[in-house]
Amino acid sequence: YYGLTLNSVTLAGDKNVNFILITLVEIPGA
């Protein structure tokens, strides 16, 4: 869980957008 969250900023594209997306995907599961 934390590893994927931290690694999201290394993905291609804007790191802030990637971080926002990687956190918002928790909502459907909840």
mmCIF file of all heavy atoms, coordinates in Angstrom:
data_MODEL
# 
_entry.id   MODEL 
# 
loop_
_atom_site.group_PDB 
_atom_site.id 
_atom_site.type_symbol 
_atom_site.label_atom_id 
_atom_site.label_alt_id 
_atom_site.label_comp_id 
_atom_site.label_asym_id 
_atom_site.label_entity_id 
_atom_site.label_seq_id 
_atom_site.pdbx_PDB_ins_code 
_atom_site.Cartn_x 
_atom_site.Cartn_y 
_atom_site.Cartn_z 
_atom_site.occupancy 
_atom_site.B_iso_or_equiv 
_atom_site.pdbx_formal_charge 
_atom_site.auth_seq_id 
_atom_site.auth_comp_id 
_atom_site.auth_asym_id 
_atom_site.auth_atom_id 
_atom_site.pdbx_PDB_model_num 
ATOM 1   N N   . TYR A 1 1  ? 0.842   -1.207 0.000   1.00 0.00 ? 1  TYR A N   1 
ATOM 2   C CA  . TYR A 1 1  ? 0.000   0.000  0.000   1.00 0.00 ? 1  TYR A CA  1 
ATOM 3   C C   . TYR A 1 1  ? 0.874   1.253  0.000   1.00 0.00 ? 1  TYR A C   1 
ATOM 4   O O   . TYR A 1 1  ? 0.714   2.143  -0.847  1.00 0.00 ? 1  TYR A O   1 
ATOM 5   C CB  . TYR A 1 1  ? -0.921  -0.017 1.222   1.00 0.00 ? 1  TYR A CB  1 
ATOM 6   C CG  . TYR A 1 1  ? -1.751  1.231  1.398   1.00 0.00 ? 1  TYR A CG  1 
ATOM 7   C CD1 . TYR A 1 1  ? -2.986  1.356  0.789   1.00 0.00 ? 1  TYR A CD1 1 
ATOM 8   C CD2 . TYR A 1 1  ? -1.279  2.299  2.170   1.00 0.00 ? 1  TYR A CD2 1 
ATOM 9   C CE1 . TYR A 1 1  ? -3.746  2.511  0.945   1.00 0.00 ? 1  TYR A CE1 1 
ATOM 10  C CE2 . TYR A 1 1  ? -2.028  3.447  2.334   1.00 0.00 ? 1  TYR A CE2 1 
ATOM 11  C CZ  . TYR A 1 1  ? -3.262  3.550  1.725   1.00 0.00 ? 1  TYR A CZ  1 
ATOM 12  O OH  . TYR A 1 1  ? -4.000  4.690  1.885   1.00 0.00 ? 1  TYR A OH  1 
ATOM 13  N N   . TYR A 1 2  ? 1.801   1.339  0.959   1.00 0.00 ? 2  TYR A N   1 
ATOM 14  C CA  . TYR A 1 2  ? 2.647   2.529  1.036   1.00 0.00 ? 2  TYR A CA  1 
ATOM 15  C C   . TYR A 1 2  ? 3.696   2.542  -0.074  1.00 0.00 ? 2  TYR A C   1 
ATOM 16  O O   . TYR A 1 2  ? 4.073   3.611  -0.563  1.00 0.00 ? 2  TYR A O   1 
ATOM 17  C CB  . TYR A 1 2  ? 3.317   2.611  2.409   1.00 0.00 ? 2  TYR A CB  1 
ATOM 18  C CG  . TYR A 1 2  ? 2.404   3.143  3.478   1.00 0.00 ? 2  TYR A CG  1 
ATOM 19  C CD1 . TYR A 1 2  ? 1.809   2.301  4.401   1.00 0.00 ? 2  TYR A CD1 1 
ATOM 20  C CD2 . TYR A 1 2  ? 2.101   4.501  3.559   1.00 0.00 ? 2  TYR A CD2 1 
ATOM 21  C CE1 . TYR A 1 2  ? 0.946   2.778  5.383   1.00 0.00 ? 2  TYR A CE1 1 
ATOM 22  C CE2 . TYR A 1 2  ? 1.238   4.989  4.535   1.00 0.00 ? 2  TYR A CE2 1 
ATOM 23  C CZ  . TYR A 1 2  ? 0.672   4.127  5.438   1.00 0.00 ? 2  TYR A CZ  1 
ATOM 24  O OH  . TYR A 1 2  ? -0.184  4.609  6.385   1.00 0.00 ? 2  TYR A OH  1 
ATOM 25  N N   . GLY A 1 3  ? 4.166   1.372  -0.471  1.00 0.00 ? 3  GLY A N   1 
ATOM 26  C CA  . GLY A 1 3  ? 5.149   1.311  -1.545  1.00 0.00 ? 3  GLY A CA  1 
ATOM 27  C C   . GLY A 1 3  ? 4.602   1.855  -2.851  1.00 0.00 ? 3  GLY A C   1 
ATOM 28  O O   . GLY A 1 3  ? 5.271   2.636  -3.553  1.00 0.00 ? 3  GLY A O   1 
ATOM 29  N N   . LEU A 1 4  ? 3.366   1.463  -3.205  1.00 0.00 ? 4  LEU A N   1 
ATOM 30  C CA  . LEU A 1 4  ? 2.753   1.964  -4.433  1.00 0.00 ? 4  LEU A CA  1 
ATOM 31  C C   . LEU A 1 4  ? 2.477   3.463  -4.331  1.00 0.00 ? 4  LEU A C   1 
ATOM 32  O O   . LEU A 1 4  ? 2.649   4.192  -5.312  1.00 0.00 ? 4  LEU A O   1 
ATOM 33  C CB  . LEU A 1 4  ? 1.450   1.209  -4.714  1.00 0.00 ? 4  LEU A CB  1 
ATOM 34  C CG  . LEU A 1 4  ? 1.600   -0.258 -5.125  1.00 0.00 ? 4  LEU A CG  1 
ATOM 35  C CD1 . LEU A 1 4  ? 0.235   -0.917 -5.287  1.00 0.00 ? 4  LEU A CD1 1 
ATOM 36  C CD2 . LEU A 1 4  ? 2.395   -0.386 -6.428  1.00 0.00 ? 4  LEU A CD2 1 
ATOM 37  N N   . THR A 1 5  ? 2.054   3.912  -3.169  1.00 0.00 ? 5  THR A N   1 
ATOM 38  C CA  . THR A 1 5  ? 1.789   5.348  -2.994  1.00 0.00 ? 5  THR A CA  1 
ATOM 39  C C   . THR A 1 5  ? 3.065   6.164  -3.177  1.00 0.00 ? 5  THR A C   1 
ATOM 40  O O   . THR A 1 5  ? 3.071   7.180  -3.881  1.00 0.00 ? 5  THR A O   1 
ATOM 41  C CB  . THR A 1 5  ? 1.195   5.617  -1.596  1.00 0.00 ? 5  THR A CB  1 
ATOM 42  O OG1 . THR A 1 5  ? -0.009  4.857  -1.434  1.00 0.00 ? 5  THR A OG1 1 
ATOM 43  C CG2 . THR A 1 5  ? 0.881   7.092  -1.423  1.00 0.00 ? 5  THR A CG2 1 
ATOM 44  N N   . LEU A 1 6  ? 4.145   5.710  -2.555  1.00 0.00 ? 6  LEU A N   1 
ATOM 45  C CA  . LEU A 1 6  ? 5.414   6.441  -2.655  1.00 0.00 ? 6  LEU A CA  1 
ATOM 46  C C   . LEU A 1 6  ? 5.974   6.382  -4.065  1.00 0.00 ? 6  LEU A C   1 
ATOM 47  O O   . LEU A 1 6  ? 6.559   7.353  -4.553  1.00 0.00 ? 6  LEU A O   1 
ATOM 48  C CB  . LEU A 1 6  ? 6.421   5.870  -1.656  1.00 0.00 ? 6  LEU A CB  1 
ATOM 49  C CG  . LEU A 1 6  ? 6.044   5.981  -0.177  1.00 0.00 ? 6  LEU A CG  1 
ATOM 50  C CD1 . LEU A 1 6  ? 7.081   5.288  0.698   1.00 0.00 ? 6  LEU A CD1 1 
ATOM 51  C CD2 . LEU A 1 6  ? 5.901   7.431  0.239   1.00 0.00 ? 6  LEU A CD2 1 
ATOM 52  N N   . ASN A 1 7  ? 5.829   5.234  -4.741  1.00 0.00 ? 7  ASN A N   1 
ATOM 53  C CA  . ASN A 1 7  ? 6.388   5.082  -6.084  1.00 0.00 ? 7  ASN A CA  1 
ATOM 54  C C   . ASN A 1 7  ? 5.572   5.808  -7.142  1.00 0.00 ? 7  ASN A C   1 
ATOM 55  O O   . ASN A 1 7  ? 6.009   5.931  -8.289  1.00 0.00 ? 7  ASN A O   1 
ATOM 56  C CB  . ASN A 1 7  ? 6.477   3.599  -6.453  1.00 0.00 ? 7  ASN A CB  1 
ATOM 57  C CG  . ASN A 1 7  ? 7.695   2.927  -5.845  1.00 0.00 ? 7  ASN A CG  1 
ATOM 58  O OD1 . ASN A 1 7  ? 8.433   3.558  -5.102  1.00 0.00 ? 7  ASN A OD1 1 
ATOM 59  N ND2 . ASN A 1 7  ? 7.879   1.659  -6.132  1.00 0.00 ? 7  ASN A ND2 1 
ATOM 60  N N   . SER A 1 8  ? 4.371   6.301  -6.784  1.00 0.00 ? 8  SER A N   1 
ATOM 61  C CA  . SER A 1 8  ? 3.524   6.962  -7.773  1.00 0.00 ? 8  SER A CA  1 
ATOM 62  C C   . SER A 1 8  ? 4.199   8.209  -8.332  1.00 0.00 ? 8  SER A C   1 
ATOM 63  O O   . SER A 1 8  ? 3.954   8.587  -9.481  1.00 0.00 ? 8  SER A O   1 
ATOM 64  C CB  . SER A 1 8  ? 2.174   7.330  -7.146  1.00 0.00 ? 8  SER A CB  1 
ATOM 65  O OG  . SER A 1 8  ? 2.341   8.300  -6.129  1.00 0.00 ? 8  SER A OG  1 
ATOM 66  N N   . VAL A 1 9  ? 5.039   8.865  -7.538  1.00 0.00 ? 9  VAL A N   1 
ATOM 67  C CA  . VAL A 1 9  ? 5.685   10.102 -7.989  1.00 0.00 ? 9  VAL A CA  1 
ATOM 68  C C   . VAL A 1 9  ? 6.803   9.823  -8.988  1.00 0.00 ? 9  VAL A C   1 
ATOM 69  O O   . VAL A 1 9  ? 7.359   10.752 -9.563  1.00 0.00 ? 9  VAL A O   1 
ATOM 70  C CB  . VAL A 1 9  ? 6.234   10.906 -6.790  1.00 0.00 ? 9  VAL A CB  1 
ATOM 71  C CG1 . VAL A 1 9  ? 5.098   11.354 -5.885  1.00 0.00 ? 9  VAL A CG1 1 
ATOM 72  C CG2 . VAL A 1 9  ? 7.250   10.096 -5.997  1.00 0.00 ? 9  VAL A CG2 1 
ATOM 73  N N   . THR A 1 10 ? 7.141   8.548  -9.192  1.00 0.00 ? 10 THR A N   1 
ATOM 74  C CA  . THR A 1 10 ? 8.181   8.203  -10.166 1.00 0.00 ? 10 THR A CA  1 
ATOM 75  C C   . THR A 1 10 ? 7.601   7.849  -11.529 1.00 0.00 ? 10 THR A C   1 
ATOM 76  O O   . THR A 1 10 ? 8.339   7.599  -12.471 1.00 0.00 ? 10 THR A O   1 
ATOM 77  C CB  . THR A 1 10 ? 9.025   7.015  -9.659  1.00 0.00 ? 10 THR A CB  1 
ATOM 78  O OG1 . THR A 1 10 ? 8.195   5.840  -9.589  1.00 0.00 ? 10 THR A OG1 1 
ATOM 79  C CG2 . THR A 1 10 ? 9.602   7.304  -8.288  1.00 0.00 ? 10 THR A CG2 1 
ATOM 80  N N   . LEU A 1 11 ? 6.270   7.796  -11.639 1.00 0.00 ? 11 LEU A N   1 
ATOM 81  C CA  . LEU A 1 11 ? 5.645   7.451  -12.906 1.00 0.00 ? 11 LEU A CA  1 
ATOM 82  C C   . LEU A 1 11 ? 5.838   8.574  -13.912 1.00 0.00 ? 11 LEU A C   1 
ATOM 83  O O   . LEU A 1 11 ? 6.091   9.730  -13.562 1.00 0.00 ? 11 LEU A O   1 
ATOM 84  C CB  . LEU A 1 11 ? 4.147   7.195  -12.709 1.00 0.00 ? 11 LEU A CB  1 
ATOM 85  C CG  . LEU A 1 11 ? 3.761   5.995  -11.843 1.00 0.00 ? 11 LEU A CG  1 
ATOM 86  C CD1 . LEU A 1 11 ? 2.252   5.977  -11.622 1.00 0.00 ? 11 LEU A CD1 1 
ATOM 87  C CD2 . LEU A 1 11 ? 4.218   4.693  -12.469 1.00 0.00 ? 11 LEU A CD2 1 
ATOM 88  N N   . ALA A 1 12 ? 5.673   8.214  -15.191 1.00 0.00 ? 12 ALA A N   1 
ATOM 89  C CA  . ALA A 1 12 ? 5.763   9.229  -16.236 1.00 0.00 ? 12 ALA A CA  1 
ATOM 90  C C   . ALA A 1 12 ? 4.623   10.226 -16.088 1.00 0.00 ? 12 ALA A C   1 
ATOM 91  O O   . ALA A 1 12 ? 3.523   9.882  -15.665 1.00 0.00 ? 12 ALA A O   1 
ATOM 92  C CB  . ALA A 1 12 ? 5.707   8.558  -17.611 1.00 0.00 ? 12 ALA A CB  1 
ATOM 93  N N   . GLY A 1 13 ? 4.883   11.472 -16.451 1.00 0.00 ? 13 GLY A N   1 
ATOM 94  C CA  . GLY A 1 13 ? 3.869   12.498 -16.338 1.00 0.00 ? 13 GLY A CA  1 
ATOM 95  C C   . GLY A 1 13 ? 4.049   13.333 -15.078 1.00 0.00 ? 13 GLY A C   1 
ATOM 96  O O   . GLY A 1 13 ? 5.039   13.205 -14.361 1.00 0.00 ? 13 GLY A O   1 
ATOM 97  N N   . ASP A 1 14 ? 3.070   14.189 -14.814 1.00 0.00 ? 14 ASP A N   1 
ATOM 98  C CA  . ASP A 1 14 ? 3.131   15.083 -13.666 1.00 0.00 ? 14 ASP A CA  1 
ATOM 99  C C   . ASP A 1 14 ? 3.029   14.275 -12.376 1.00 0.00 ? 14 ASP A C   1 
ATOM 100 O O   . ASP A 1 14 ? 2.054   13.556 -12.161 1.00 0.00 ? 14 ASP A O   1 
ATOM 101 C CB  . ASP A 1 14 ? 1.995   16.097 -13.758 1.00 0.00 ? 14 ASP A CB  1 
ATOM 102 C CG  . ASP A 1 14 ? 2.118   17.181 -12.697 1.00 0.00 ? 14 ASP A CG  1 
ATOM 103 O OD1 . ASP A 1 14 ? 1.810   16.877 -11.527 1.00 0.00 ? 14 ASP A OD1 1 
ATOM 104 O OD2 . ASP A 1 14 ? 2.513   18.311 -13.028 1.00 0.00 ? 14 ASP A OD2 1 
ATOM 105 N N   . LYS A 1 15 ? 4.013   14.411 -11.479 1.00 0.00 ? 15 LYS A N   1 
ATOM 106 C CA  . LYS A 1 15 ? 4.037   13.599 -10.262 1.00 0.00 ? 15 LYS A CA  1 
ATOM 107 C C   . LYS A 1 15 ? 2.895   13.963 -9.317  1.00 0.00 ? 15 LYS A C   1 
ATOM 108 O O   . LYS A 1 15 ? 2.396   13.105 -8.575  1.00 0.00 ? 15 LYS A O   1 
ATOM 109 C CB  . LYS A 1 15 ? 5.379   13.736 -9.552  1.00 0.00 ? 15 LYS A CB  1 
ATOM 110 C CG  . LYS A 1 15 ? 5.676   15.116 -8.984  1.00 0.00 ? 15 LYS A CG  1 
ATOM 111 C CD  . LYS A 1 15 ? 7.023   15.123 -8.263  1.00 0.00 ? 15 LYS A CD  1 
ATOM 112 C CE  . LYS A 1 15 ? 7.314   16.491 -7.645  1.00 0.00 ? 15 LYS A CE  1 
ATOM 113 N NZ  . LYS A 1 15 ? 8.623   16.505 -6.967  1.00 0.00 ? 15 LYS A NZ  1 
ATOM 114 N N   . ASN A 1 16 ? 2.463   15.227 -9.342  1.00 0.00 ? 16 ASN A N   1 
ATOM 115 C CA  . ASN A 1 16 ? 1.359   15.626 -8.475  1.00 0.00 ? 16 ASN A CA  1 
ATOM 116 C C   . ASN A 1 16 ? 0.049   15.011 -8.939  1.00 0.00 ? 16 ASN A C   1 
ATOM 117 O O   . ASN A 1 16 ? -0.746  14.527 -8.122  1.00 0.00 ? 16 ASN A O   1 
ATOM 118 C CB  . ASN A 1 16 ? 1.230   17.151 -8.446  1.00 0.00 ? 16 ASN A CB  1 
ATOM 119 C CG  . ASN A 1 16 ? 2.443   17.821 -7.845  1.00 0.00 ? 16 ASN A CG  1 
ATOM 120 O OD1 . ASN A 1 16 ? 3.046   17.315 -6.899  1.00 0.00 ? 16 ASN A OD1 1 
ATOM 121 N ND2 . ASN A 1 16 ? 2.830   18.964 -8.387  1.00 0.00 ? 16 ASN A ND2 1 
ATOM 122 N N   . VAL A 1 17 ? -0.170  14.992 -10.232 1.00 0.00 ? 17 VAL A N   1 
ATOM 123 C CA  . VAL A 1 17 ? -1.380  14.367 -10.787 1.00 0.00 ? 17 VAL A CA  1 
ATOM 124 C C   . VAL A 1 17 ? -1.377  12.869 -10.499 1.00 0.00 ? 17 VAL A C   1 
ATOM 125 O O   . VAL A 1 17 ? -2.398  12.294 -10.118 1.00 0.00 ? 17 VAL A O   1 
ATOM 126 C CB  . VAL A 1 17 ? -1.482  14.628 -12.307 1.00 0.00 ? 17 VAL A CB  1 
ATOM 127 C CG1 . VAL A 1 17 ? -2.643  13.834 -12.909 1.00 0.00 ? 17 VAL A CG1 1 
ATOM 128 C CG2 . VAL A 1 17 ? -1.650  16.110 -12.585 1.00 0.00 ? 17 VAL A CG2 1 
ATOM 129 N N   . ASN A 1 18 ? -0.209  12.243 -10.666 1.00 0.00 ? 18 ASN A N   1 
ATOM 130 C CA  . ASN A 1 18 ? -0.105  10.802 -10.384 1.00 0.00 ? 18 ASN A CA  1 
ATOM 131 C C   . ASN A 1 18 ? -0.426  10.504 -8.928  1.00 0.00 ? 18 ASN A C   1 
ATOM 132 O O   . ASN A 1 18 ? -1.112  9.526  -8.607  1.00 0.00 ? 18 ASN A O   1 
ATOM 133 C CB  . ASN A 1 18 ? 1.299   10.301 -10.720 1.00 0.00 ? 18 ASN A CB  1 
ATOM 134 C CG  . ASN A 1 18 ? 1.580   10.288 -12.210 1.00 0.00 ? 18 ASN A CG  1 
ATOM 135 O OD1 . ASN A 1 18 ? 0.649   10.200 -13.017 1.00 0.00 ? 18 ASN A OD1 1 
ATOM 136 N ND2 . ASN A 1 18 ? 2.832   10.386 -12.587 1.00 0.00 ? 18 ASN A ND2 1 
ATOM 137 N N   . PHE A 1 19 ? 0.072   11.342 -8.029  1.00 0.00 ? 19 PHE A N   1 
ATOM 138 C CA  . PHE A 1 19 ? -0.195  11.137 -6.606  1.00 0.00 ? 19 PHE A CA  1 
ATOM 139 C C   . PHE A 1 19 ? -1.679  11.297 -6.302  1.00 0.00 ? 19 PHE A C   1 
ATOM 140 O O   . PHE A 1 19 ? -2.254  10.530 -5.526  1.00 0.00 ? 19 PHE A O   1 
ATOM 141 C CB  . PHE A 1 19 ? 0.620   12.133 -5.772  1.00 0.00 ? 19 PHE A CB  1 
ATOM 142 C CG  . PHE A 1 19 ? 0.461   11.956 -4.289  1.00 0.00 ? 19 PHE A CG  1 
ATOM 143 C CD1 . PHE A 1 19 ? 1.218   11.017 -3.598  1.00 0.00 ? 19 PHE A CD1 1 
ATOM 144 C CD2 . PHE A 1 19 ? -0.467  12.714 -3.578  1.00 0.00 ? 19 PHE A CD2 1 
ATOM 145 C CE1 . PHE A 1 19 ? 1.064   10.849 -2.229  1.00 0.00 ? 19 PHE A CE1 1 
ATOM 146 C CE2 . PHE A 1 19 ? -0.627  12.542 -2.209  1.00 0.00 ? 19 PHE A CE2 1 
ATOM 147 C CZ  . PHE A 1 19 ? 0.146   11.604 -1.537  1.00 0.00 ? 19 PHE A CZ  1 
ATOM 148 N N   . ILE A 1 20 ? -2.312  12.288 -6.900  1.00 0.00 ? 20 ILE A N   1 
ATOM 149 C CA  . ILE A 1 20 ? -3.747  12.496 -6.696  1.00 0.00 ? 20 ILE A CA  1 
ATOM 150 C C   . ILE A 1 20 ? -4.540  11.287 -7.171  1.00 0.00 ? 20 ILE A C   1 
ATOM 151 O O   . ILE A 1 20 ? -5.445  10.792 -6.484  1.00 0.00 ? 20 ILE A O   1 
ATOM 152 C CB  . ILE A 1 20 ? -4.219  13.773 -7.425  1.00 0.00 ? 20 ILE A CB  1 
ATOM 153 C CG1 . ILE A 1 20 ? -3.592  15.003 -6.769  1.00 0.00 ? 20 ILE A CG1 1 
ATOM 154 C CG2 . ILE A 1 20 ? -5.744  13.885 -7.419  1.00 0.00 ? 20 ILE A CG2 1 
ATOM 155 C CD1 . ILE A 1 20 ? -3.810  16.294 -7.551  1.00 0.00 ? 20 ILE A CD1 1 
ATOM 156 N N   . LEU A 1 21 ? -4.194  10.776 -8.345  1.00 0.00 ? 21 LEU A N   1 
ATOM 157 C CA  . LEU A 1 21 ? -4.908  9.620  -8.894  1.00 0.00 ? 21 LEU A CA  1 
ATOM 158 C C   . LEU A 1 21 ? -4.708  8.381  -8.033  1.00 0.00 ? 21 LEU A C   1 
ATOM 159 O O   . LEU A 1 21 ? -5.650  7.621  -7.775  1.00 0.00 ? 21 LEU A O   1 
ATOM 160 C CB  . LEU A 1 21 ? -4.432  9.346  -10.330 1.00 0.00 ? 21 LEU A CB  1 
ATOM 161 C CG  . LEU A 1 21 ? -4.793  10.399 -11.377 1.00 0.00 ? 21 LEU A CG  1 
ATOM 162 C CD1 . LEU A 1 21 ? -4.154  10.046 -12.722 1.00 0.00 ? 21 LEU A CD1 1 
ATOM 163 C CD2 . LEU A 1 21 ? -6.303  10.531 -11.521 1.00 0.00 ? 21 LEU A CD2 1 
ATOM 164 N N   . ILE A 1 22 ? -3.475  8.165  -7.555  1.00 0.00 ? 22 ILE A N   1 
ATOM 165 C CA  . ILE A 1 22 ? -3.168  6.955  -6.788  1.00 0.00 ? 22 ILE A CA  1 
ATOM 166 C C   . ILE A 1 22 ? -3.866  6.969  -5.428  1.00 0.00 ? 22 ILE A C   1 
ATOM 167 O O   . ILE A 1 22 ? -4.083  5.913  -4.820  1.00 0.00 ? 22 ILE A O   1 
ATOM 168 C CB  . ILE A 1 22 ? -1.639  6.802  -6.614  1.00 0.00 ? 22 ILE A CB  1 
ATOM 169 C CG1 . ILE A 1 22 ? -1.251  5.326  -6.406  1.00 0.00 ? 22 ILE A CG1 1 
ATOM 170 C CG2 . ILE A 1 22 ? -1.128  7.627  -5.452  1.00 0.00 ? 22 ILE A CG2 1 
ATOM 171 C CD1 . ILE A 1 22 ? -1.361  4.482  -7.613  1.00 0.00 ? 22 ILE A CD1 1 
ATOM 172 N N   . THR A 1 23 ? -4.236  8.155  -4.947  1.00 0.00 ? 23 THR A N   1 
ATOM 173 C CA  . THR A 1 23 ? -4.974  8.226  -3.681  1.00 0.00 ? 23 THR A CA  1 
ATOM 174 C C   . THR A 1 23 ? -6.483  8.159  -3.908  1.00 0.00 ? 23 THR A C   1 
ATOM 175 O O   . THR A 1 23 ? -7.201  7.549  -3.111  1.00 0.00 ? 23 THR A O   1 
ATOM 176 C CB  . THR A 1 23 ? -4.627  9.516  -2.922  1.00 0.00 ? 23 THR A CB  1 
ATOM 177 O OG1 . THR A 1 23 ? -4.844  10.651 -3.770  1.00 0.00 ? 23 THR A OG1 1 
ATOM 178 C CG2 . THR A 1 23 ? -3.178  9.506  -2.483  1.00 0.00 ? 23 THR A CG2 1 
ATOM 179 N N   . LEU A 1 24 ? -6.971  8.758  -4.978  1.00 0.00 ? 24 LEU A N   1 
ATOM 180 C CA  . LEU A 1 24 ? -8.409  8.743  -5.244  1.00 0.00 ? 24 LEU A CA  1 
ATOM 181 C C   . LEU A 1 24 ? -8.934  7.351  -5.598  1.00 0.00 ? 24 LEU A C   1 
ATOM 182 O O   . LEU A 1 24 ? -10.117 7.063  -5.391  1.00 0.00 ? 24 LEU A O   1 
ATOM 183 C CB  . LEU A 1 24 ? -8.754  9.729  -6.365  1.00 0.00 ? 24 LEU A CB  1 
ATOM 184 C CG  . LEU A 1 24 ? -8.629  11.216 -6.033  1.00 0.00 ? 24 LEU A CG  1 
ATOM 185 C CD1 . LEU A 1 24 ? -9.002  12.066 -7.234  1.00 0.00 ? 24 LEU A CD1 1 
ATOM 186 C CD2 . LEU A 1 24 ? -9.492  11.582 -4.833  1.00 0.00 ? 24 LEU A CD2 1 
ATOM 187 N N   . VAL A 1 25 ? -8.064  6.468  -6.103  1.00 0.00 ? 25 VAL A N   1 
ATOM 188 C CA  . VAL A 1 25 ? -8.532  5.126  -6.448  1.00 0.00 ? 25 VAL A CA  1 
ATOM 189 C C   . VAL A 1 25 ? -8.882  4.308  -5.203  1.00 0.00 ? 25 VAL A C   1 
ATOM 190 O O   . VAL A 1 25 ? -9.464  3.227  -5.312  1.00 0.00 ? 25 VAL A O   1 
ATOM 191 C CB  . VAL A 1 25 ? -7.484  4.346  -7.283  1.00 0.00 ? 25 VAL A CB  1 
ATOM 192 C CG1 . VAL A 1 25 ? -7.290  4.981  -8.634  1.00 0.00 ? 25 VAL A CG1 1 
ATOM 193 C CG2 . VAL A 1 25 ? -6.161  4.213  -6.537  1.00 0.00 ? 25 VAL A CG2 1 
ATOM 194 N N   . GLU A 1 26 ? -8.535  4.819  -4.016  1.00 0.00 ? 26 GLU A N   1 
ATOM 195 C CA  . GLU A 1 26 ? -8.922  4.130  -2.785  1.00 0.00 ? 26 GLU A CA  1 
ATOM 196 C C   . GLU A 1 26 ? -10.424 4.250  -2.517  1.00 0.00 ? 26 GLU A C   1 
ATOM 197 O O   . GLU A 1 26 ? -11.015 3.415  -1.819  1.00 0.00 ? 26 GLU A O   1 
ATOM 198 C CB  . GLU A 1 26 ? -8.155  4.707  -1.594  1.00 0.00 ? 26 GLU A CB  1 
ATOM 199 C CG  . GLU A 1 26 ? -6.648  4.545  -1.682  1.00 0.00 ? 26 GLU A CG  1 
ATOM 200 C CD  . GLU A 1 26 ? -5.938  5.184  -0.500  1.00 0.00 ? 26 GLU A CD  1 
ATOM 201 O OE1 . GLU A 1 26 ? -6.556  5.266  0.580   1.00 0.00 ? 26 GLU A OE1 1 
ATOM 202 O OE2 . GLU A 1 26 ? -4.779  5.610  -0.659  1.00 0.00 ? 26 GLU A OE2 1 
ATOM 203 N N   . ILE A 1 27 ? -11.042 5.288  -3.061  1.00 0.00 ? 27 ILE A N   1 
ATOM 204 C CA  . ILE A 1 27 ? -12.453 5.560  -2.758  1.00 0.00 ? 27 ILE A CA  1 
ATOM 205 C C   . ILE A 1 27 ? -13.388 4.477  -3.288  1.00 0.00 ? 27 ILE A C   1 
ATOM 206 O O   . ILE A 1 27 ? -14.272 4.013  -2.543  1.00 0.00 ? 27 ILE A O   1 
ATOM 207 C CB  . ILE A 1 27 ? -12.846 6.951  -3.283  1.00 0.00 ? 27 ILE A CB  1 
ATOM 208 C CG1 . ILE A 1 27 ? -12.060 8.020  -2.519  1.00 0.00 ? 27 ILE A CG1 1 
ATOM 209 C CG2 . ILE A 1 27 ? -14.351 7.188  -3.149  1.00 0.00 ? 27 ILE A CG2 1 
ATOM 210 C CD1 . ILE A 1 27 ? -12.325 9.441  -2.982  1.00 0.00 ? 27 ILE A CD1 1 
ATOM 211 N N   . PRO A 1 28 ? -13.266 4.025  -4.548  1.00 0.00 ? 28 PRO A N   1 
ATOM 212 C CA  . PRO A 1 28 ? -14.166 2.963  -5.008  1.00 0.00 ? 28 PRO A CA  1 
ATOM 213 C C   . PRO A 1 28 ? -14.094 1.704  -4.147  1.00 0.00 ? 28 PRO A C   1 
ATOM 214 O O   . PRO A 1 28 ? -15.123 1.073  -3.863  1.00 0.00 ? 28 PRO A O   1 
ATOM 215 C CB  . PRO A 1 28 ? -13.677 2.688  -6.439  1.00 0.00 ? 28 PRO A CB  1 
ATOM 216 C CG  . PRO A 1 28 ? -13.023 3.946  -6.863  1.00 0.00 ? 28 PRO A CG  1 
ATOM 217 C CD  . PRO A 1 28 ? -12.387 4.508  -5.639  1.00 0.00 ? 28 PRO A CD  1 
ATOM 218 N N   . GLY A 1 29 ? -12.890 1.343  -3.704  1.00 0.00 ? 29 GLY A N   1 
ATOM 219 C CA  . GLY A 1 29 ? -12.748 0.165  -2.853  1.00 0.00 ? 29 GLY A CA  1 
ATOM 220 C C   . GLY A 1 29 ? -13.436 0.342  -1.520  1.00 0.00 ? 29 GLY A C   1 
ATOM 221 O O   . GLY A 1 29 ? -14.079 -0.583 -1.004  1.00 0.00 ? 29 GLY A O   1 
ATOM 222 N N   . ALA A 1 30 ? -13.314 1.546  -0.939  1.00 0.00 ? 30 ALA A N   1 
ATOM 223 C CA  . ALA A 1 30 ? -13.949 1.816  0.350   1.00 0.00 ? 30 ALA A CA  1 
ATOM 224 C C   . ALA A 1 30 ? -15.460 1.763  0.252   1.00 0.00 ? 30 ALA A C   1 
ATOM 225 O O   . ALA A 1 30 ? -16.149 1.265  1.155   1.00 0.00 ? 30 ALA A O   1 
ATOM 226 C CB  . ALA A 1 30 ? -13.505 3.188  0.865   1.00 0.00 ? 30 ALA A CB  1 
# 
